[in-house]
Amino acid sequence: MSVFAALVSFIGSKLAAVFLFMQGSKLAYRMWGLTFIATIYVSCVVLWTTTVLDWWTVITSTQWGMLLGLLFPPVSGTVLASLGVYWTCVIGVRYVSSLTKAAVK
């Protein structure tokens, strides 16, 4: 009976190790994806505030620029960064979907 108990214990521990490995790798992939999206967002906001915002102040100093300033308020940098992250995710999902479809065929 002790041999059977040792066998069940061995199999149970190996199944638990495999299960924990699979769950750990899923969590690692999710954390990597979240970090990737956050990096894209921060880089878009930094690009907006360092480069585009200087151009934007010059553009909005004209009469037509004031109209553009009403259409695109100063918060538009974070909005554009959010849109950049969104479209990056859409492109990524389409790419992975095309890879999956190619692998199935």
N, C-alpha and C. Protein backbone atom coordinates (compact mmCIF):
# COMPACT_ATOMS: atom_id res chain seq x y z
N MET A 1 0.81 -1.19 0.00
CA MET A 1 0.00 0.00 0.00
C MET A 1 0.85 1.26 0.00
N SER A 2 2.02 1.22 0.63
CA SER A 2 2.86 2.40 0.67
C SER A 2 3.44 2.73 -0.71
N VAL A 3 3.64 1.71 -1.54
CA VAL A 3 4.12 1.95 -2.90
C VAL A 3 3.05 2.69 -3.69
N PHE A 4 1.80 2.29 -3.53
CA PHE A 4 0.68 2.95 -4.22
C PHE A 4 0.55 4.40 -3.74
N ALA A 5 0.70 4.63 -2.45
CA ALA A 5 0.63 5.98 -1.90
C ALA A 5 1.78 6.84 -2.43
N ALA A 6 2.96 6.26 -2.54
CA ALA A 6 4.10 6.99 -3.08
C ALA A 6 3.88 7.34 -4.55
N LEU A 7 3.29 6.40 -5.31
CA LEU A 7 2.99 6.64 -6.72
C LEU A 7 1.97 7.76 -6.87
N VAL A 8 0.89 7.72 -6.11
CA VAL A 8 -0.13 8.78 -6.18
C VAL A 8 0.46 10.12 -5.75
N SER A 9 1.27 10.12 -4.73
CA SER A 9 1.91 11.35 -4.27
C SER A 9 2.84 11.91 -5.35
N PHE A 10 3.60 11.04 -6.01
CA PHE A 10 4.53 11.47 -7.06
C PHE A 10 3.75 12.06 -8.24
N ILE A 11 2.71 11.36 -8.68
CA ILE A 11 1.92 11.84 -9.82
C ILE A 11 1.22 13.14 -9.46
N GLY A 12 0.67 13.22 -8.25
CA GLY A 12 0.01 14.45 -7.82
C GLY A 12 0.94 15.64 -7.76
N SER A 13 2.15 15.42 -7.28
CA SER A 13 3.10 16.53 -7.19
C SER A 13 3.54 16.98 -8.58
N LYS A 14 3.71 16.03 -9.51
CA LYS A 14 4.10 16.41 -10.87
C LYS A 14 2.96 17.14 -11.58
N LEU A 15 1.72 16.71 -11.39
CA LEU A 15 0.58 17.41 -11.98
C LEU A 15 0.44 18.82 -11.40
N ALA A 16 0.66 18.94 -10.10
CA ALA A 16 0.60 20.27 -9.48
C ALA A 16 1.70 21.17 -10.03
N ALA A 17 2.89 20.62 -10.23
CA ALA A 17 4.00 21.42 -10.78
C ALA A 17 3.69 21.88 -12.20
N VAL A 18 3.13 20.98 -13.01
CA VAL A 18 2.77 21.35 -14.39
C VAL A 18 1.68 22.42 -14.38
N PHE A 19 0.68 22.24 -13.51
CA PHE A 19 -0.40 23.22 -13.42
C PHE A 19 0.14 24.59 -13.00
N LEU A 20 0.99 24.63 -12.00
CA LEU A 20 1.57 25.89 -11.56
C LEU A 20 2.44 26.53 -12.63
N PHE A 21 3.17 25.71 -13.38
CA PHE A 21 3.99 26.24 -14.47
C PHE A 21 3.11 26.88 -15.54
N MET A 22 2.02 26.20 -15.90
CA MET A 22 1.13 26.74 -16.93
C MET A 22 0.48 28.04 -16.46
N GLN A 23 0.02 28.08 -15.24
CA GLN A 23 -0.60 29.30 -14.72
C GLN A 23 0.43 30.42 -14.58
N GLY A 24 1.63 30.07 -14.17
CA GLY A 24 2.69 31.07 -14.05
C GLY A 24 3.08 31.66 -15.39
N SER A 25 3.12 30.84 -16.43
CA SER A 25 3.48 31.35 -17.75
C SER A 25 2.37 32.24 -18.30
N LYS A 26 1.11 31.90 -18.01
CA LYS A 26 0.01 32.77 -18.44
C LYS A 26 0.11 34.13 -17.77
N LEU A 27 0.40 34.11 -16.48
CA LEU A 27 0.54 35.36 -15.75
C LEU A 27 1.73 36.17 -16.28
N ALA A 28 2.81 35.48 -16.60
CA ALA A 28 3.98 36.18 -17.13
C ALA A 28 3.66 36.82 -18.48
N TYR A 29 2.94 36.11 -19.35
CA TYR A 29 2.57 36.69 -20.64
C TYR A 29 1.63 37.88 -20.46
N ARG A 30 0.72 37.78 -19.52
CA ARG A 30 -0.19 38.91 -19.28
C ARG A 30 0.57 40.11 -18.76
N MET A 31 1.49 39.89 -17.85
CA MET A 31 2.28 41.00 -17.31
C MET A 31 3.16 41.62 -18.40
N TRP A 32 3.72 40.78 -19.28
CA TRP A 32 4.53 41.30 -20.38
C TRP A 32 3.67 42.15 -21.31
N GLY A 33 2.48 41.68 -21.63
CA GLY A 33 1.58 42.44 -22.49
C GLY A 33 1.16 43.75 -21.87
N LEU A 34 0.88 43.73 -20.58
CA LEU A 34 0.49 44.95 -19.88
C LEU A 34 1.64 45.95 -19.85
N THR A 35 2.84 45.47 -19.62
CA THR A 35 4.01 46.34 -19.63
C THR A 35 4.25 46.92 -21.02
N PHE A 36 4.04 46.10 -22.05
CA PHE A 36 4.21 46.56 -23.42
C PHE A 36 3.22 47.67 -23.75
N ILE A 37 1.96 47.49 -23.37
CA ILE A 37 0.94 48.50 -23.64
C ILE A 37 1.23 49.78 -22.85
N ALA A 38 1.64 49.64 -21.60
CA ALA A 38 1.97 50.81 -20.80
C ALA A 38 3.16 51.56 -21.38
N THR A 39 4.14 50.83 -21.90
CA THR A 39 5.30 51.47 -22.52
C THR A 39 4.90 52.24 -23.77
N ILE A 40 4.04 51.67 -24.58
CA ILE A 40 3.56 52.38 -25.77
C ILE A 40 2.82 53.65 -25.36
N TYR A 41 1.97 53.55 -24.36
CA TYR A 41 1.20 54.71 -23.91
C TYR A 41 2.12 55.82 -23.40
N VAL A 42 3.06 55.46 -22.56
CA VAL A 42 3.97 56.47 -22.00
C VAL A 42 4.82 57.08 -23.09
N SER A 43 5.29 56.30 -24.04
CA SER A 43 6.11 56.86 -25.12
C SER A 43 5.30 57.80 -26.00
N CYS A 44 4.03 57.48 -26.24
CA CYS A 44 3.19 58.39 -27.02
C CYS A 44 2.96 59.70 -26.28
N VAL A 45 2.72 59.64 -24.98
CA VAL A 45 2.52 60.86 -24.20
C VAL A 45 3.80 61.69 -24.16
N VAL A 46 4.94 61.04 -23.99
CA VAL A 46 6.21 61.77 -23.96
C VAL A 46 6.49 62.40 -25.32
N LEU A 47 6.22 61.68 -26.40
CA LEU A 47 6.40 62.24 -27.74
C LEU A 47 5.51 63.46 -27.92
N TRP A 48 4.27 63.38 -27.47
CA TRP A 48 3.35 64.51 -27.62
C TRP A 48 3.85 65.71 -26.83
N THR A 49 4.24 65.50 -25.59
CA THR A 49 4.61 66.64 -24.75
C THR A 49 5.96 67.24 -25.13
N THR A 50 6.87 66.46 -25.69
CA THR A 50 8.19 67.00 -26.02
C THR A 50 8.27 67.57 -27.43
N THR A 51 7.57 66.98 -28.37
CA THR A 51 7.72 67.39 -29.76
C THR A 51 6.49 68.11 -30.30
N VAL A 52 5.38 67.43 -30.28
CA VAL A 52 4.19 67.95 -30.94
C VAL A 52 3.63 69.16 -30.20
N LEU A 53 3.74 69.19 -28.89
CA LEU A 53 3.18 70.31 -28.12
C LEU A 53 3.86 71.62 -28.47
N ASP A 54 5.16 71.60 -28.74
CA ASP A 54 5.86 72.83 -29.15
C ASP A 54 5.34 73.32 -30.49
N TRP A 55 5.13 72.41 -31.42
CA TRP A 55 4.56 72.78 -32.71
C TRP A 55 3.13 73.28 -32.54
N TRP A 56 2.43 72.64 -31.64
CA TRP A 56 1.03 72.97 -31.43
C TRP A 56 0.86 74.39 -30.89
N THR A 57 1.75 74.83 -30.01
CA THR A 57 1.64 76.20 -29.48
C THR A 57 1.89 77.22 -30.58
N VAL A 58 2.78 76.91 -31.50
CA VAL A 58 3.02 77.83 -32.62
C VAL A 58 1.83 77.85 -33.56
N ILE A 59 1.26 76.70 -33.81
CA ILE A 59 0.11 76.62 -34.73
C ILE A 59 -1.10 77.35 -34.14
N THR A 60 -1.35 77.17 -32.84
CA THR A 60 -2.54 77.77 -32.24
C THR A 60 -2.40 79.26 -31.98
N SER A 61 -1.26 79.86 -32.28
CA SER A 61 -1.12 81.30 -32.10
C SER A 61 -1.75 82.08 -33.25
N THR A 62 -2.10 81.42 -34.34
CA THR A 62 -2.76 82.09 -35.46
C THR A 62 -4.27 82.03 -35.25
N GLN A 63 -5.01 82.74 -36.16
CA GLN A 63 -6.46 82.75 -36.04
C GLN A 63 -7.06 81.36 -36.29
N TRP A 64 -6.60 80.72 -37.35
CA TRP A 64 -7.10 79.37 -37.63
C TRP A 64 -6.62 78.39 -36.56
N GLY A 65 -5.47 78.67 -36.02
CA GLY A 65 -4.94 77.82 -34.96
C GLY A 65 -5.78 77.88 -33.69
N MET A 66 -6.39 79.05 -33.43
CA MET A 66 -7.27 79.13 -32.27
C MET A 66 -8.49 78.23 -32.44
N LEU A 67 -8.99 78.16 -33.68
CA LEU A 67 -10.10 77.25 -33.96
C LEU A 67 -9.65 75.80 -33.76
N LEU A 68 -8.45 75.49 -34.22
CA LEU A 68 -7.92 74.15 -33.99
C LEU A 68 -7.72 73.88 -32.50
N GLY A 69 -7.33 74.90 -31.76
CA GLY A 69 -7.16 74.76 -30.32
C GLY A 69 -8.46 74.44 -29.62
N LEU A 70 -9.57 74.95 -30.16
CA LEU A 70 -10.88 74.60 -29.60
C LEU A 70 -11.26 73.17 -29.95
N LEU A 71 -10.88 72.74 -31.15
CA LEU A 71 -11.22 71.38 -31.58
C LEU A 71 -10.38 70.34 -30.86
N PHE A 72 -9.11 70.66 -30.61
CA PHE A 72 -8.19 69.73 -29.96
C PHE A 72 -7.63 70.38 -28.70
N PRO A 73 -8.24 70.16 -27.55
CA PRO A 73 -7.75 70.78 -26.32
C PRO A 73 -6.41 70.19 -25.88
N PRO A 74 -5.78 70.77 -24.87
CA PRO A 74 -4.46 70.27 -24.44
C PRO A 74 -4.46 68.81 -23.99
N VAL A 75 -5.60 68.29 -23.58
CA VAL A 75 -5.66 66.90 -23.13
C VAL A 75 -5.59 65.93 -24.32
N SER A 76 -5.60 66.46 -25.52
CA SER A 76 -5.62 65.58 -26.69
C SER A 76 -4.36 64.73 -26.81
N GLY A 77 -3.27 65.10 -26.15
CA GLY A 77 -2.07 64.26 -26.18
C GLY A 77 -2.31 62.91 -25.56
N THR A 78 -2.98 62.90 -24.42
CA THR A 78 -3.28 61.61 -23.79
C THR A 78 -4.34 60.85 -24.56
N VAL A 79 -5.26 61.57 -25.18
CA VAL A 79 -6.27 60.91 -26.01
C VAL A 79 -5.60 60.25 -27.22
N LEU A 80 -4.68 60.98 -27.87
CA LEU A 80 -3.98 60.41 -29.01
C LEU A 80 -3.12 59.23 -28.59
N ALA A 81 -2.51 59.31 -27.42
CA ALA A 81 -1.73 58.18 -26.92
C ALA A 81 -2.62 56.97 -26.68
N SER A 82 -3.81 57.19 -26.14
CA SER A 82 -4.75 56.09 -25.92
C SER A 82 -5.19 55.48 -27.24
N LEU A 83 -5.42 56.32 -28.24
CA LEU A 83 -5.77 55.80 -29.56
C LEU A 83 -4.62 55.01 -30.17
N GLY A 84 -3.39 55.47 -29.95
CA GLY A 84 -2.23 54.73 -30.44
C GLY A 84 -2.13 53.36 -29.81
N VAL A 85 -2.37 53.29 -28.51
CA VAL A 85 -2.35 51.99 -27.82
C VAL A 85 -3.47 51.11 -28.34
N TYR A 86 -4.65 51.68 -28.53
CA TYR A 86 -5.79 50.90 -29.02
C TYR A 86 -5.50 50.29 -30.39
N TRP A 87 -5.00 51.11 -31.31
CA TRP A 87 -4.75 50.59 -32.66
C TRP A 87 -3.57 49.63 -32.68
N THR A 88 -2.61 49.81 -31.79
CA THR A 88 -1.54 48.83 -31.68
C THR A 88 -2.09 47.49 -31.23
N CYS A 89 -3.01 47.51 -30.28
CA CYS A 89 -3.65 46.26 -29.84
C CYS A 89 -4.47 45.63 -30.95
N VAL A 90 -5.20 46.45 -31.70
CA VAL A 90 -6.00 45.92 -32.81
C VAL A 90 -5.11 45.26 -33.85
N ILE A 91 -4.00 45.91 -34.19
CA ILE A 91 -3.07 45.33 -35.16
C ILE A 91 -2.47 44.04 -34.63
N GLY A 92 -2.13 44.03 -33.34
CA GLY A 92 -1.59 42.82 -32.73
C GLY A 92 -2.58 41.67 -32.75
N VAL A 93 -3.85 41.95 -32.44
CA VAL A 93 -4.86 40.89 -32.45
C VAL A 93 -5.08 40.38 -33.86
N ARG A 94 -5.10 41.26 -34.83
CA ARG A 94 -5.26 40.82 -36.23
C ARG A 94 -4.08 39.97 -36.68
N TYR A 95 -2.87 40.36 -36.26
CA TYR A 95 -1.68 39.59 -36.63
C TYR A 95 -1.72 38.20 -36.01
N VAL A 96 -2.05 38.13 -34.74
CA VAL A 96 -2.11 36.81 -34.08
C VAL A 96 -3.24 35.98 -34.68
N SER A 97 -4.35 36.63 -35.04
CA SER A 97 -5.45 35.91 -35.67
C SER A 97 -5.04 35.36 -37.03
N SER A 98 -4.29 36.15 -37.79
CA SER A 98 -3.84 35.65 -39.10
C SER A 98 -2.84 34.51 -38.94
N LEU A 99 -1.99 34.59 -37.91
CA LEU A 99 -1.06 33.48 -37.65
C LEU A 99 -1.82 32.21 -37.26
N THR A 100 -2.85 32.37 -36.45
CA THR A 100 -3.65 31.22 -36.05
C THR A 100 -4.37 30.62 -37.24
N LYS A 101 -4.95 31.46 -38.09
CA LYS A 101 -5.63 30.95 -39.28
C LYS A 101 -4.66 30.24 -40.21
N ALA A 102 -3.45 30.79 -40.34
CA ALA A 102 -2.44 30.16 -41.21
C ALA A 102 -2.00 28.82 -40.63
N ALA A 103 -1.93 28.73 -39.30
CA ALA A 103 -1.50 27.49 -38.68
C ALA A 103 -2.57 26.40 -38.79
N VAL A 104 -3.84 26.81 -38.81
CA VAL A 104 -4.93 25.85 -38.90
C VAL A 104 -5.03 25.27 -40.30
N LYS A 105 -4.74 26.07 -41.31
CA LYS A 105 -4.88 25.60 -42.70
C LYS A 105 -3.84 24.58 -43.05
